[in-house]
Amino acid sequence: MTLQEVRNTYETKTKQVLDARAEKKEISRLMAKIEILNNAGIENAMVNAAIRKDTTTKLEHLDNVCKEIVASMPIYSKTTKENRKWNPSRQYGISNQVALLTGILSGIQYSASEHREQMLAVTGLDSDIIESALEAFGSPSYYSKNYGIVIPEVPYDIEKINENLAMLENILDVQLDRVKITNSVMSSKFETARLSAERASTKALETMIAASGAFTMSY
């Protein structure tokens, strides 16, 4: 056997081995996928993930539509001395979807009437359901620099939150991730806000006392 024949034989065998390895690897990959498809738990997780993705995509689209409505119809604000902007106020710490949805609701609620009319027409929502949904979330306490006091919280209502979100799911044809809408999670959010407000109030008072003392000494 010549050197070239040996080389040809080696190359042929090498290709056969590599092809066999590639085939086994592909068989193993496909069998793993088949195993996943046969697993009801994994299948349900995949379906839920797809639903969550669809819901998030739709809410992001609605958010962008509302933003575009504001941008395409400039309305001057005497308060801010500039054209109005899309300004959503989102509920964080529950889920990205709830954050997106509450942002859309609050953004619509506090938009100029001309913008709001178009947003309601595009989304299929109405002012009553928006108001009801946002009120159900309540509002945590916070320190107001303008008034120099802690603004008390407005309590949340878990039952009403879920009732309103169920109606919104029906109107918008989405399925929200509501796993974290519990008394434990909401209570923690409000407690964190209360402590933050109290710290801000204490710091403001200390700053005022220090400033007063410095003024007295200089006088």
Protein backbone atom coordinates (compact mmCIF):
# COMPACT_ATOMS: atom_id res chain seq x y z
CA MET A 1 0.00 0.00 0.00
CA THR A 2 1.38 3.37 -1.04
CA LEU A 3 1.69 6.42 1.19
CA GLN A 4 -1.13 8.13 -0.69
CA GLU A 5 -3.38 5.09 -0.24
CA VAL A 6 -2.66 5.13 3.51
CA ARG A 7 -3.47 8.84 3.65
CA ASN A 8 -6.72 8.27 1.75
CA THR A 9 -7.66 5.42 4.08
CA TYR A 10 -6.88 7.60 7.13
CA GLU A 11 -8.96 10.50 5.82
CA THR A 12 -11.86 8.17 5.01
CA LYS A 13 -11.78 6.56 8.47
CA THR A 14 -11.46 9.98 10.15
CA LYS A 15 -14.51 11.25 8.27
CA GLN A 16 -16.48 8.12 9.20
CA VAL A 17 -15.61 8.57 12.89
CA LEU A 18 -16.48 12.27 12.88
CA ASP A 19 -19.74 11.61 11.04
CA ALA A 20 -20.64 8.89 13.53
CA ARG A 21 -19.89 11.21 16.45
CA ALA A 22 -21.96 14.00 14.91
CA GLU A 23 -24.84 11.58 14.33
CA LYS A 24 -24.73 10.33 17.93
CA LYS A 25 -24.59 13.90 19.18
CA GLU A 26 -27.62 14.88 17.09
CA ILE A 27 -29.53 11.78 18.21
CA SER A 28 -28.76 12.64 21.84
CA ARG A 29 -29.90 16.26 21.34
CA LEU A 30 -33.16 15.23 19.68
CA MET A 31 -33.86 12.56 22.32
CA ALA A 32 -33.42 15.19 25.02
CA LYS A 33 -35.93 17.43 23.24
CA ILE A 34 -38.36 14.53 22.91
CA GLU A 35 -37.97 13.88 26.65
CA ILE A 36 -38.77 17.54 27.35
CA LEU A 37 -41.85 17.42 25.14
CA ASN A 38 -43.03 14.26 26.94
CA ASN A 39 -42.63 15.92 30.34
CA ALA A 40 -45.96 17.57 31.25
CA GLY A 41 -44.36 19.86 33.82
CA ILE A 42 -41.76 21.18 31.40
CA GLU A 43 -44.37 21.50 28.66
CA ASN A 44 -46.57 23.60 30.94
CA ALA A 45 -43.58 25.77 31.87
CA MET A 46 -42.85 26.34 28.17
CA VAL A 47 -46.46 27.27 27.50
CA ASN A 48 -46.52 29.67 30.46
CA ALA A 49 -43.26 31.23 29.32
CA ALA A 50 -44.72 31.79 25.86
CA ILE A 51 -47.85 33.38 27.36
CA ARG A 52 -45.74 35.67 29.55
CA LYS A 53 -43.68 36.71 26.56
CA ASP A 54 -46.80 37.47 24.51
CA THR A 55 -48.28 39.51 27.36
CA THR A 56 -45.09 41.49 27.91
CA THR A 57 -44.77 42.18 24.18
CA LYS A 58 -48.34 43.44 23.98
CA LEU A 59 -47.98 45.69 27.03
CA GLU A 60 -44.71 47.12 25.70
CA HIS A 61 -46.48 47.83 22.42
CA LEU A 62 -49.33 49.66 24.19
CA ASP A 63 -46.82 51.66 26.22
CA ASN A 64 -45.04 52.72 23.01
CA VAL A 65 -48.35 53.58 21.33
CA CYS A 66 -49.28 55.90 24.21
CA LYS A 67 -45.83 57.49 24.13
CA GLU A 68 -46.18 58.07 20.37
CA ILE A 69 -49.61 59.69 20.82
CA VAL A 70 -48.08 62.22 23.21
CA ALA A 71 -45.10 62.84 20.94
CA SER A 72 -47.21 63.26 17.80
CA MET A 73 -49.58 65.80 19.39
CA PRO A 74 -47.53 68.45 21.24
CA ILE A 75 -49.44 70.10 24.09
CA TYR A 76 -47.73 72.85 26.09
CA SER A 77 -47.84 72.62 29.88
CA LYS A 78 -47.92 75.91 31.77
CA THR A 79 -46.74 74.06 34.89
CA THR A 80 -43.56 72.53 33.47
CA LYS A 81 -43.03 75.23 30.81
CA GLU A 82 -42.58 72.58 28.12
CA ASN A 83 -44.56 70.15 26.00
CA ARG A 84 -46.20 67.31 27.88
CA LYS A 85 -44.38 63.97 28.01
CA TRP A 86 -45.52 60.39 28.46
CA ASN A 87 -44.96 59.97 32.19
CA PRO A 88 -45.96 56.52 33.53
CA SER A 89 -45.74 55.78 37.25
CA ARG A 90 -45.15 52.06 37.67
CA GLN A 91 -45.75 49.62 40.53
CA TYR A 92 -42.40 47.84 40.93
CA GLY A 93 -41.53 44.78 42.97
CA ILE A 94 -44.49 42.66 41.84
CA SER A 95 -43.75 41.67 38.24
CA ASN A 96 -42.49 43.36 35.09
CA GLN A 97 -45.93 42.93 33.53
CA VAL A 98 -47.75 44.59 36.42
CA ALA A 99 -45.16 47.38 36.33
CA LEU A 100 -45.82 47.90 32.62
CA LEU A 101 -49.59 47.79 33.05
CA THR A 102 -49.75 50.18 36.01
CA GLY A 103 -47.46 52.51 34.09
CA ILE A 104 -49.87 52.52 31.17
CA LEU A 105 -52.84 53.12 33.48
CA SER A 106 -51.24 55.97 35.41
CA GLY A 107 -49.80 57.49 32.25
CA ILE A 108 -53.24 57.59 30.66
CA GLN A 109 -54.93 58.87 33.83
CA TYR A 110 -52.63 61.87 34.16
CA SER A 111 -52.33 62.71 30.48
CA ALA A 112 -53.92 65.77 28.90
CA SER A 113 -57.56 65.12 27.95
CA GLU A 114 -56.74 65.28 24.23
CA HIS A 115 -54.08 62.58 24.63
CA ARG A 116 -56.19 60.54 27.04
CA GLU A 117 -59.12 60.28 24.63
CA GLN A 118 -56.92 58.78 21.94
CA MET A 119 -55.23 56.41 24.39
CA LEU A 120 -58.54 55.11 25.69
CA ALA A 121 -59.75 54.55 22.13
CA VAL A 122 -56.59 52.64 21.19
CA THR A 123 -56.40 50.48 24.32
CA GLY A 124 -60.12 49.83 24.78
CA LEU A 125 -59.88 50.98 28.40
CA ASP A 126 -62.07 53.51 30.17
CA SER A 127 -61.40 56.04 32.92
CA ASP A 128 -63.44 54.14 35.55
CA ILE A 129 -61.51 50.87 35.32
CA ILE A 130 -58.22 52.79 35.32
CA GLU A 131 -59.17 54.73 38.45
CA SER A 132 -60.47 51.63 40.20
CA ALA A 133 -57.34 49.59 39.41
CA LEU A 134 -54.91 52.27 40.56
CA GLU A 135 -56.86 52.99 43.75
CA ALA A 136 -56.76 49.28 44.66
CA PHE A 137 -52.95 49.42 44.80
CA GLY A 138 -53.11 52.26 47.31
CA SER A 139 -50.01 54.39 47.75
CA PRO A 140 -47.11 54.03 50.19
CA SER A 141 -46.20 56.87 52.53
CA TYR A 142 -43.44 59.27 51.49
CA TYR A 143 -41.68 62.38 52.71
CA SER A 144 -42.80 65.59 51.00
CA LYS A 145 -40.04 68.20 50.72
CA ASN A 146 -42.62 70.82 49.76
CA TYR A 147 -44.63 70.42 52.96
CA GLY A 148 -41.86 69.09 55.20
CA ILE A 149 -43.99 66.18 56.44
CA VAL A 150 -44.51 62.46 55.87
CA ILE A 151 -47.56 61.95 53.67
CA PRO A 152 -49.57 59.01 55.10
CA GLU A 153 -50.06 55.86 53.07
CA VAL A 154 -53.31 54.97 51.37
CA PRO A 155 -53.97 51.26 52.10
CA TYR A 156 -53.95 48.66 49.33
CA ASP A 157 -56.68 46.05 48.81
CA ILE A 158 -55.47 42.66 47.53
CA GLU A 159 -58.96 41.44 46.64
CA LYS A 160 -59.75 44.54 44.62
CA ILE A 161 -56.34 44.48 42.97
CA ASN A 162 -57.00 40.97 41.65
CA GLU A 163 -60.58 41.81 40.65
CA ASN A 164 -59.44 44.81 38.63
CA LEU A 165 -56.49 43.00 37.06
CA ALA A 166 -58.82 40.18 35.99
CA MET A 167 -61.03 42.73 34.22
CA LEU A 168 -58.00 44.33 32.60
CA GLU A 169 -56.77 40.93 31.41
CA ASN A 170 -60.13 40.42 29.72
CA ILE A 171 -60.17 43.87 28.12
CA LEU A 172 -56.58 43.74 26.87
CA ASP A 173 -56.61 40.00 26.11
CA VAL A 174 -53.50 39.28 28.19
CA GLN A 175 -52.56 36.96 31.04
CA LEU A 176 -50.61 38.70 33.79
CA ASP A 177 -48.04 37.24 36.15
CA ARG A 178 -49.80 37.84 39.48
CA VAL A 179 -47.91 35.38 41.68
CA LYS A 180 -46.35 38.13 43.84
CA ILE A 181 -49.59 39.98 44.48
CA THR A 182 -49.85 38.85 48.10
CA ASN A 183 -50.31 40.57 51.45
CA SER A 184 -46.75 39.63 52.35
CA VAL A 185 -45.21 41.31 49.29
CA MET A 186 -47.43 44.40 49.41
CA SER A 187 -46.96 44.80 53.17
CA SER A 188 -43.19 44.65 52.71
CA LYS A 189 -43.33 47.31 49.99
CA PHE A 190 -45.35 49.66 52.18
CA GLU A 191 -43.17 49.05 55.23
CA THR A 192 -40.01 49.78 53.25
CA ALA A 193 -41.58 53.02 51.98
CA ARG A 194 -42.63 54.02 55.52
CA LEU A 195 -39.13 53.53 56.91
CA SER A 196 -37.63 55.46 54.00
CA ALA A 197 -40.08 58.33 54.55
CA GLU A 198 -39.29 58.45 58.27
CA ARG A 199 -35.54 58.48 57.60
CA ALA A 200 -35.98 61.31 55.09
CA SER A 201 -38.05 63.26 57.61
CA THR A 202 -35.48 62.77 60.37
CA LYS A 203 -32.63 63.80 58.09
CA ALA A 204 -34.51 66.93 56.98
CA LEU A 205 -35.16 67.87 60.61
CA GLU A 206 -31.51 67.35 61.55
CA THR A 207 -30.41 69.45 58.59
CA MET A 208 -32.80 72.23 59.60
CA ILE A 209 -31.59 72.18 63.23
CA ALA A 210 -27.96 72.23 62.14
CA ALA A 211 -28.63 75.13 59.80
CA SER A 212 -30.48 76.99 62.55
CA GLY A 213 -27.61 76.46 64.96
CA ALA A 214 -25.06 77.70 62.44
CA PHE A 215 -27.15 80.81 61.83
CA THR A 216 -27.41 81.50 65.58
CA MET A 217 -23.68 81.16 66.09
CA SER A 218 -22.85 83.45 63.18
CA TYR A 219 -25.35 86.00 64.48
